[in-house]
Amino acid sequence: MTVSEDQYKTFSKSRQRYELSHYFYAFLSDKLKKYKIEHLDHTEFMNDMEEWLKEIEWLQSEFEASMDEYGE
């Protein structure tokens, strides 16, 4: 997974977190589907990943991320 530093350096921290977390989540989901890891329940894993990412304040909604920008 790669991202353009030039694009992200202009974003606020909240916007960076929002963009990167959603990109990461979609990227991971697509790769796990593509490579079909034996004995891995994709849906369960991605549900757990989503829960964990939300616990660390990633995968916020766009509204939540924009509200956080006002606090920065």
PDB file of N, CA and C in Angstrom:
ATOM      1  N   MET A   1       0.853  -1.166   0.000  1.00  0.00           N
ATOM      2  CA  MET A   1       0.000   0.000   0.000  1.00  0.00           C
ATOM      3  C   MET A   1       0.901   1.231   0.000  1.00  0.00           C
ATOM      4  N   THR A   2       0.646   2.131  -0.910  1.00  0.00           N
ATOM      5  CA  THR A   2       1.402   3.378  -0.966  1.00  0.00           C
ATOM      6  C   THR A   2       0.426   4.538  -1.125  1.00  0.00           C
ATOM      7  N   VAL A   3       0.833   5.654  -0.600  1.00  0.00           N
ATOM      8  CA  VAL A   3       0.054   6.886  -0.738  1.00  0.00           C
ATOM      9  C   VAL A   3       1.016   8.018  -1.071  1.00  0.00           C
ATOM     10  N   SER A   4       0.484   9.063  -1.640  1.00  0.00           N
ATOM     11  CA  SER A   4       1.291  10.212  -2.006  1.00  0.00           C
ATOM     12  C   SER A   4       1.433  11.150  -0.809  1.00  0.00           C
ATOM     13  N   GLU A   5       2.664  11.332  -0.368  1.00  0.00           N
ATOM     14  CA  GLU A   5       2.912  12.252   0.738  1.00  0.00           C
ATOM     15  C   GLU A   5       2.486  13.668   0.365  1.00  0.00           C
ATOM     16  N   ASP A   6       2.701  14.041  -0.879  1.00  0.00           N
ATOM     17  CA  ASP A   6       2.332  15.382  -1.332  1.00  0.00           C
ATOM     18  C   ASP A   6       0.848  15.659  -1.130  1.00  0.00           C
ATOM     19  N   GLN A   7       0.041  14.652  -1.383  1.00  0.00           N
ATOM     20  CA  GLN A   7      -1.405  14.825  -1.201  1.00  0.00           C
ATOM     21  C   GLN A   7      -1.764  14.967   0.274  1.00  0.00           C
ATOM     22  N   TYR A   8      -1.199  14.102   1.107  1.00  0.00           N
ATOM     23  CA  TYR A   8      -1.598  14.059   2.514  1.00  0.00           C
ATOM     24  C   TYR A   8      -1.002  15.175   3.364  1.00  0.00           C
ATOM     25  N   LYS A   9       0.133  15.714   2.991  1.00  0.00           N
ATOM     26  CA  LYS A   9       0.765  16.727   3.837  1.00  0.00           C
ATOM     27  C   LYS A   9      -0.034  18.033   3.880  1.00  0.00           C
ATOM     28  N   THR A  10      -0.933  18.217   2.918  1.00  0.00           N
ATOM     29  CA  THR A  10      -1.760  19.424   2.932  1.00  0.00           C
ATOM     30  C   THR A  10      -3.017  19.259   3.793  1.00  0.00           C
ATOM     31  N   PHE A  11      -3.304  18.019   4.213  1.00  0.00           N
ATOM     32  CA  PHE A  11      -4.494  17.750   5.021  1.00  0.00           C
ATOM     33  C   PHE A  11      -4.229  18.012   6.500  1.00  0.00           C
ATOM     34  N   SER A  12      -5.282  18.313   7.230  1.00  0.00           N
ATOM     35  CA  SER A  12      -5.182  18.368   8.689  1.00  0.00           C
ATOM     36  C   SER A  12      -4.941  16.947   9.200  1.00  0.00           C
ATOM     37  N   LYS A  13      -4.537  16.819  10.455  1.00  0.00           N
ATOM     38  CA  LYS A  13      -4.326  15.489  11.030  1.00  0.00           C
ATOM     39  C   LYS A  13      -5.613  14.671  10.988  1.00  0.00           C
ATOM     40  N   SER A  14      -6.724  15.297  11.279  1.00  0.00           N
ATOM     41  CA  SER A  14      -8.008  14.593  11.255  1.00  0.00           C
ATOM     42  C   SER A  14      -8.342  14.098   9.860  1.00  0.00           C
ATOM     43  N   ARG A  15      -8.091  14.938   8.871  1.00  0.00           N
ATOM     44  CA  ARG A  15      -8.374  14.539   7.490  1.00  0.00           C
ATOM     45  C   ARG A  15      -7.425  13.440   7.034  1.00  0.00           C
ATOM     46  N   GLN A  16      -6.156  13.525   7.432  1.00  0.00           N
ATOM     47  CA  GLN A  16      -5.200  12.465   7.118  1.00  0.00           C
ATOM     48  C   GLN A  16      -5.675  11.138   7.698  1.00  0.00           C
ATOM     49  N   ARG A  17      -6.062  11.157   8.960  1.00  0.00           N
ATOM     50  CA  ARG A  17      -6.534   9.952   9.644  1.00  0.00           C
ATOM     51  C   ARG A  17      -7.753   9.385   8.934  1.00  0.00           C
ATOM     52  N   TYR A  18      -8.687  10.246   8.570  1.00  0.00           N
ATOM     53  CA  TYR A  18      -9.900   9.810   7.879  1.00  0.00           C
ATOM     54  C   TYR A  18      -9.548   9.160   6.540  1.00  0.00           C
ATOM     55  N   GLU A  19      -8.783   9.853   5.722  1.00  0.00           N
ATOM     56  CA  GLU A  19      -8.448   9.351   4.390  1.00  0.00           C
ATOM     57  C   GLU A  19      -7.639   8.055   4.459  1.00  0.00           C
ATOM     58  N   LEU A  20      -6.595   8.046   5.290  1.00  0.00           N
ATOM     59  CA  LEU A  20      -5.741   6.867   5.390  1.00  0.00           C
ATOM     60  C   LEU A  20      -6.478   5.662   5.954  1.00  0.00           C
ATOM     61  N   SER A  21      -7.300   5.872   6.959  1.00  0.00           N
ATOM     62  CA  SER A  21      -7.992   4.740   7.576  1.00  0.00           C
ATOM     63  C   SER A  21      -8.976   4.087   6.617  1.00  0.00           C
ATOM     64  N   HIS A  22      -9.713   4.890   5.871  1.00  0.00           N
ATOM     65  CA  HIS A  22     -10.670   4.323   4.923  1.00  0.00           C
ATOM     66  C   HIS A  22      -9.943   3.662   3.740  1.00  0.00           C
ATOM     67  N   TYR A  23      -8.851   4.260   3.312  1.00  0.00           N
ATOM     68  CA  TYR A  23      -8.054   3.669   2.235  1.00  0.00           C
ATOM     69  C   TYR A  23      -7.456   2.336   2.697  1.00  0.00           C
ATOM     70  N   PHE A  24      -6.897   2.327   3.903  1.00  0.00           N
ATOM     71  CA  PHE A  24      -6.300   1.118   4.463  1.00  0.00           C
ATOM     72  C   PHE A  24      -7.343   0.007   4.593  1.00  0.00           C
ATOM     73  N   TYR A  25      -8.497   0.335   5.128  1.00  0.00           N
ATOM     74  CA  TYR A  25      -9.549  -0.657   5.348  1.00  0.00           C
ATOM     75  C   TYR A  25      -9.986  -1.277   4.014  1.00  0.00           C
ATOM     76  N   ALA A  26     -10.228  -0.471   3.011  1.00  0.00           N
ATOM     77  CA  ALA A  26     -10.642  -0.969   1.693  1.00  0.00           C
ATOM     78  C   ALA A  26      -9.521  -1.786   1.049  1.00  0.00           C
ATOM     79  N   PHE A  27      -8.286  -1.298   1.160  1.00  0.00           N
ATOM     80  CA  PHE A  27      -7.129  -2.001   0.605  1.00  0.00           C
ATOM     81  C   PHE A  27      -6.986  -3.383   1.231  1.00  0.00           C
ATOM     82  N   LEU A  28      -7.041  -3.452   2.551  1.00  0.00           N
ATOM     83  CA  LEU A  28      -6.896  -4.717   3.262  1.00  0.00           C
ATOM     84  C   LEU A  28      -8.014  -5.686   2.887  1.00  0.00           C
ATOM     85  N   SER A  29      -9.225  -5.201   2.857  1.00  0.00           N
ATOM     86  CA  SER A  29     -10.355  -6.046   2.503  1.00  0.00           C
ATOM     87  C   SER A  29     -10.197  -6.628   1.101  1.00  0.00           C
ATOM     88  N   ASP A  30      -9.829  -5.797   0.146  1.00  0.00           N
ATOM     89  CA  ASP A  30      -9.641  -6.252  -1.235  1.00  0.00           C
ATOM     90  C   ASP A  30      -8.529  -7.293  -1.334  1.00  0.00           C
ATOM     91  N   LYS A  31      -7.420  -7.056  -0.645  1.00  0.00           N
ATOM     92  CA  LYS A  31      -6.293  -7.993  -0.722  1.00  0.00           C
ATOM     93  C   LYS A  31      -6.637  -9.326  -0.081  1.00  0.00           C
ATOM     94  N   LEU A  32      -7.348  -9.304   1.031  1.00  0.00           N
ATOM     95  CA  LEU A  32      -7.726 -10.557   1.678  1.00  0.00           C
ATOM     96  C   LEU A  32      -8.685 -11.363   0.808  1.00  0.00           C
ATOM     97  N   LYS A  33      -9.568 -10.679   0.102  1.00  0.00           N
ATOM     98  CA  LYS A  33     -10.467 -11.374  -0.830  1.00  0.00           C
ATOM     99  C   LYS A  33      -9.680 -11.959  -1.993  1.00  0.00           C
ATOM    100  N   LYS A  34      -8.727 -11.205  -2.493  1.00  0.00           N
ATOM    101  CA  LYS A  34      -7.951 -11.623  -3.658  1.00  0.00           C
ATOM    102  C   LYS A  34      -7.106 -12.858  -3.361  1.00  0.00           C
ATOM    103  N   TYR A  35      -6.445 -12.871  -2.207  1.00  0.00           N
ATOM    104  CA  TYR A  35      -5.506 -13.946  -1.911  1.00  0.00           C
ATOM    105  C   TYR A  35      -6.131 -15.116  -1.161  1.00  0.00           C
ATOM    106  N   LYS A  36      -7.367 -14.970  -0.699  1.00  0.00           N
ATOM    107  CA  LYS A  36      -8.116 -16.071  -0.087  1.00  0.00           C
ATOM    108  C   LYS A  36      -7.252 -16.907   0.864  1.00  0.00           C
ATOM    109  N   ILE A  37      -6.935 -16.346   1.993  1.00  0.00           N
ATOM    110  CA  ILE A  37      -6.106 -17.006   2.996  1.00  0.00           C
ATOM    111  C   ILE A  37      -6.904 -18.152   3.625  1.00  0.00           C
ATOM    112  N   GLU A  38      -6.313 -19.326   3.596  1.00  0.00           N
ATOM    113  CA  GLU A  38      -6.974 -20.522   4.112  1.00  0.00           C
ATOM    114  C   GLU A  38      -7.303 -20.361   5.601  1.00  0.00           C
ATOM    115  N   HIS A  39      -8.470 -20.785   5.992  1.00  0.00           N
ATOM    116  CA  HIS A  39      -8.968 -20.775   7.371  1.00  0.00           C
ATOM    117  C   HIS A  39      -9.203 -19.367   7.918  1.00  0.00           C
ATOM    118  N   LEU A  40      -9.249 -18.387   7.055  1.00  0.00           N
ATOM    119  CA  LEU A  40      -9.540 -17.021   7.496  1.00  0.00           C
ATOM    120  C   LEU A  40     -10.966 -16.674   7.102  1.00  0.00           C
ATOM    121  N   ASP A  41     -11.764 -16.353   8.084  1.00  0.00           N
ATOM    122  CA  ASP A  41     -13.122 -15.888   7.822  1.00  0.00           C
ATOM    123  C   ASP A  41     -13.025 -14.392   7.533  1.00  0.00           C
ATOM    124  N   HIS A  42     -13.079 -14.049   6.258  1.00  0.00           N
ATOM    125  CA  HIS A  42     -12.884 -12.671   5.820  1.00  0.00           C
ATOM    126  C   HIS A  42     -13.841 -11.713   6.520  1.00  0.00           C
ATOM    127  N   THR A  43     -15.110 -12.060   6.559  1.00  0.00           N
ATOM    128  CA  THR A  43     -16.118 -11.174   7.152  1.00  0.00           C
ATOM    129  C   THR A  43     -15.855 -10.951   8.634  1.00  0.00           C
ATOM    130  N   GLU A  44     -15.591 -12.019   9.354  1.00  0.00           N
ATOM    131  CA  GLU A  44     -15.320 -11.897  10.788  1.00  0.00           C
ATOM    132  C   GLU A  44     -14.059 -11.074  11.040  1.00  0.00           C
ATOM    133  N   PHE A  45     -13.015 -11.344  10.255  1.00  0.00           N
ATOM    134  CA  PHE A  45     -11.770 -10.606  10.410  1.00  0.00           C
ATOM    135  C   PHE A  45     -11.969  -9.117  10.153  1.00  0.00           C
ATOM    136  N   MET A  46     -12.677  -8.798   9.076  1.00  0.00           N
ATOM    137  CA  MET A  46     -12.885  -7.392   8.736  1.00  0.00           C
ATOM    138  C   MET A  46     -13.796  -6.702   9.760  1.00  0.00           C
ATOM    139  N   ASN A  47     -14.754  -7.416  10.310  1.00  0.00           N
ATOM    140  CA  ASN A  47     -15.578  -6.842  11.379  1.00  0.00           C
ATOM    141  C   ASN A  47     -14.729  -6.534  12.604  1.00  0.00           C
ATOM    142  N   ASP A  48     -13.839  -7.467  12.965  1.00  0.00           N
ATOM    143  CA  ASP A  48     -12.924  -7.233  14.082  1.00  0.00           C
ATOM    144  C   ASP A  48     -11.983  -6.071  13.791  1.00  0.00           C
ATOM    145  N   MET A  49     -11.486  -6.009  12.554  1.00  0.00           N
ATOM    146  CA  MET A  49     -10.587  -4.918  12.164  1.00  0.00           C
ATOM    147  C   MET A  49     -11.310  -3.577  12.258  1.00  0.00           C
ATOM    148  N   GLU A  50     -12.544  -3.535  11.784  1.00  0.00           N
ATOM    149  CA  GLU A  50     -13.325  -2.301  11.853  1.00  0.00           C
ATOM    150  C   GLU A  50     -13.517  -1.856  13.303  1.00  0.00           C
ATOM    151  N   GLU A  51     -13.846  -2.791  14.175  1.00  0.00           N
ATOM    152  CA  GLU A  51     -14.034  -2.473  15.592  1.00  0.00           C
ATOM    153  C   GLU A  51     -12.745  -1.931  16.198  1.00  0.00           C
ATOM    154  N   TRP A  52     -11.622  -2.579  15.910  1.00  0.00           N
ATOM    155  CA  TRP A  52     -10.342  -2.132  16.444  1.00  0.00           C
ATOM    156  C   TRP A  52      -9.976  -0.754  15.907  1.00  0.00           C
ATOM    157  N   LEU A  53     -10.169  -0.536  14.605  1.00  0.00           N
ATOM    158  CA  LEU A  53      -9.837   0.766  14.032  1.00  0.00           C
ATOM    159  C   LEU A  53     -10.685   1.874  14.656  1.00  0.00           C
ATOM    160  N   LYS A  54     -11.922   1.586  14.943  1.00  0.00           N
ATOM    161  CA  LYS A  54     -12.774   2.586  15.585  1.00  0.00           C
ATOM    162  C   LYS A  54     -12.334   2.848  17.024  1.00  0.00           C
ATOM    163  N   GLU A  55     -11.847   1.814  17.707  1.00  0.00           N
ATOM    164  CA  GLU A  55     -11.351   1.983  19.074  1.00  0.00           C
ATOM    165  C   GLU A  55     -10.165   2.939  19.124  1.00  0.00           C
ATOM    166  N   ILE A  56      -9.354   2.937  18.075  1.00  0.00           N
ATOM    167  CA  ILE A  56      -8.187   3.835  18.043  1.00  0.00           C
ATOM    168  C   ILE A  56      -8.506   5.125  17.288  1.00  0.00           C
ATOM    169  N   GLU A  57      -9.791   5.371  17.106  1.00  0.00           N
ATOM    170  CA  GLU A  57     -10.325   6.594  16.496  1.00  0.00           C
ATOM    171  C   GLU A  57      -9.985   6.730  15.016  1.00  0.00           C
ATOM    172  N   TRP A  58      -9.904   5.586  14.339  1.00  0.00           N
ATOM    173  CA  TRP A  58      -9.825   5.560  12.885  1.00  0.00           C
ATOM    174  C   TRP A  58     -11.191   5.141  12.372  1.00  0.00           C
ATOM    175  N   LEU A  59     -11.379   5.208  11.090  1.00  0.00           N
ATOM    176  CA  LEU A  59     -12.644   4.868  10.431  1.00  0.00           C
ATOM    177  C   LEU A  59     -13.802   5.720  10.933  1.00  0.00           C
ATOM    178  N   GLN A  60     -13.512   6.953  11.238  1.00  0.00           N
ATOM    179  CA  GLN A  60     -14.578   7.872  11.611  1.00  0.00           C
ATOM    180  C   GLN A  60     -15.401   8.199  10.371  1.00  0.00           C
ATOM    181  N   SER A  61     -16.595   8.676  10.616  1.00  0.00           N
ATOM    182  CA  SER A  61     -17.393   9.177   9.497  1.00  0.00           C
ATOM    183  C   SER A  61     -16.774  10.495   9.033  1.00  0.00           C
ATOM    184  N   GLU A  62     -17.144  10.921   7.848  1.00  0.00           N
ATOM    185  CA  GLU A  62     -16.622  12.191   7.342  1.00  0.00           C
ATOM    186  C   GLU A  62     -17.053  13.337   8.255  1.00  0.00           C
ATOM    187  N   PHE A  63     -18.261  13.250   8.794  1.00  0.00           N
ATOM    188  CA  PHE A  63     -18.753  14.271   9.712  1.00  0.00           C
ATOM    189  C   PHE A  63     -17.900  14.315  10.979  1.00  0.00           C
ATOM    190  N   GLU A  64     -17.611  13.146  11.561  1.00  0.00           N
ATOM    191  CA  GLU A  64     -16.781  13.099  12.775  1.00  0.00           C
ATOM    192  C   GLU A  64     -15.394  13.671  12.512  1.00  0.00           C
ATOM    193  N   ALA A  65     -14.833  13.331  11.374  1.00  0.00           N
ATOM    194  CA  ALA A  65     -13.502  13.845  11.027  1.00  0.00           C
ATOM    195  C   ALA A  65     -13.529  15.356  10.861  1.00  0.00           C
ATOM    196  N   SER A  66     -14.584  15.874  10.248  1.00  0.00           N
ATOM    197  CA  SER A  66     -14.647  17.314  10.071  1.00  0.00           C
ATOM    198  C   SER A  66     -14.844  18.032  11.395  1.00  0.00           C
ATOM    199  N   MET A  67     -15.548  17.410  12.320  1.00  0.00           N
ATOM    200  CA  MET A  67     -15.724  18.002  13.655  1.00  0.00           C
ATOM    201  C   MET A  67     -14.390  18.026  14.406  1.00  0.00           C
ATOM    202  N   ASP A  68     -13.588  16.978  14.237  1.00  0.00           N
ATOM    203  CA  ASP A  68     -12.282  16.936  14.877  1.00  0.00           C
ATOM    204  C   ASP A  68     -11.355  18.013  14.344  1.00  0.00           C
ATOM    205  N   GLU A  69     -11.525  18.394  13.085  1.00  0.00           N
ATOM    206  CA  GLU A  69     -10.690  19.452  12.505  1.00  0.00           C
ATOM    207  C   GLU A  69     -10.853  20.760  13.259  1.00  0.00           C
ATOM    208  N   TYR A  70     -12.040  21.019  13.754  1.00  0.00           N
ATOM    209  CA  TYR A  70     -12.267  22.254  14.488  1.00  0.00           C
ATOM    210  C   TYR A  70     -11.560  22.260  15.823  1.00  0.00           C
ATOM    211  N   GLY A  71     -11.274  21.061  16.360  1.00  0.00           N
ATOM    212  CA  GLY A  71     -10.577  20.958  17.636  1.00  0.00           C
ATOM    213  C   GLY A  71      -9.077  21.021  17.515  1.00  0.00           C
ATOM    214  N   GLU A  72      -8.556  20.943  16.292  1.00  0.00           N
ATOM    215  CA  GLU A  72      -7.091  20.957  16.109  1.00  0.00           C
ATOM    216  C   GLU A  72      -6.547  22.362  16.176  1.00  0.00           C
TER     217      GLU A  72
END
